[in-house]
Protein backbone atom coordinates (compact mmCIF):
# COMPACT_ATOMS: atom_id res chain seq x y z
CA MET A 1 120.26 67.14 87.24
CA ASN A 2 117.71 65.88 89.72
CA LYS A 3 114.80 67.92 91.08
CA MET A 4 116.42 68.38 94.54
CA THR A 5 119.61 69.79 93.03
CA GLN A 6 117.58 72.14 90.83
CA THR A 7 115.57 73.39 93.80
CA ALA A 8 118.69 73.79 95.94
CA ASP A 9 120.45 75.80 93.21
CA MET A 10 117.42 78.04 92.72
CA ASP A 11 117.02 78.58 96.47
CA LYS A 12 120.70 79.58 96.73
CA PHE A 13 120.23 82.02 93.85
CA ILE A 14 117.12 83.58 95.41
CA GLU A 15 118.85 83.91 98.79
CA LYS A 16 121.86 85.69 97.27
CA PHE A 17 120.12 87.77 94.58
CA GLU A 18 117.23 88.76 96.88
CA PRO A 19 114.64 89.61 94.21
CA SER A 20 111.84 91.79 95.52
CA LYS A 21 109.32 90.14 93.18
CA PHE A 22 109.56 86.79 91.47
CA LYS A 23 107.30 84.05 90.23
CA ARG A 24 108.19 80.38 90.28
CA LEU A 25 107.92 78.64 86.93
CA ALA A 26 108.28 74.98 85.98
CA ARG A 27 111.66 75.78 84.39
CA GLY A 28 112.92 78.30 87.00
CA ILE A 29 111.78 81.74 88.14
CA GLU A 30 110.76 85.00 86.53
CA VAL A 31 112.28 88.02 88.28
CA ARG A 32 109.92 90.98 87.98
CA GLY A 33 109.81 94.71 88.59
CA ILE A 34 113.43 95.43 87.72
CA LYS A 35 114.28 99.10 87.22
CA ASP A 36 117.83 98.68 85.86
CA LEU A 37 117.45 95.54 83.80
CA ASN A 38 120.98 95.43 82.33
CA LYS A 39 122.64 95.82 85.73
CA SER A 40 120.37 93.17 87.26
CA ILE A 41 121.05 90.66 84.49
CA VAL A 42 124.80 91.16 84.87
CA TYR A 43 124.52 90.71 88.64
CA ALA A 44 122.35 87.59 88.23
CA ASN A 45 125.00 86.06 85.94
CA GLU A 46 127.73 86.95 88.46
CA VAL A 47 125.80 85.25 91.28
CA ILE A 48 125.29 82.13 89.14
CA GLN A 49 129.00 81.96 88.24
CA LYS A 50 130.28 82.74 91.73
CA LEU A 51 128.09 80.08 93.37
CA LYS A 52 128.68 77.63 90.47
CA LEU A 53 124.96 77.05 90.05
CA LYS A 54 123.49 75.06 87.18
CA LEU A 55 121.28 77.98 86.16
CA SER A 56 121.26 80.50 83.34
CA VAL A 57 119.58 83.82 82.57
CA ALA A 58 117.00 83.99 79.77
CA HIS A 59 115.46 87.22 78.55
CA SER A 60 113.78 88.70 75.53
CA ALA A 61 112.64 92.08 74.26
CA GLU A 62 109.11 91.30 75.43
CA MET A 63 110.33 90.56 78.97
CA ALA A 64 112.38 93.76 78.93
CA MET A 65 109.21 95.76 78.28
CA TYR A 66 107.91 94.50 81.61
CA GLY A 67 111.21 94.85 83.48
CA SER A 68 111.67 91.13 83.91
CA PHE A 69 113.94 88.23 83.06
CA GLU A 70 114.03 84.52 83.84
CA VAL A 71 116.55 82.42 85.70
CA VAL A 72 116.14 78.89 84.46
CA TYR A 73 117.64 75.47 85.07
CA GLN A 74 120.36 74.81 82.49
CA ASN A 75 118.67 71.73 81.08
CA ALA A 76 115.42 73.72 80.60
CA VAL A 77 116.89 76.33 78.20
């Protein structure tokens, strides 16, 4: 996947998901300040599938402590 396709997919995700806080990372974005983490992760996966984006959700127990998860480019997982 080329850099333009990655950026376009991420921009589509951000537009649809509308995160209130996020940080751009080399491999995607970190969505922050989530109150209902499980619901948000499920919704993020639904957005990715519905729009057929080449992205995936990555999260860990440490991220959960901070109410965050990452949306990353598939080849960066």
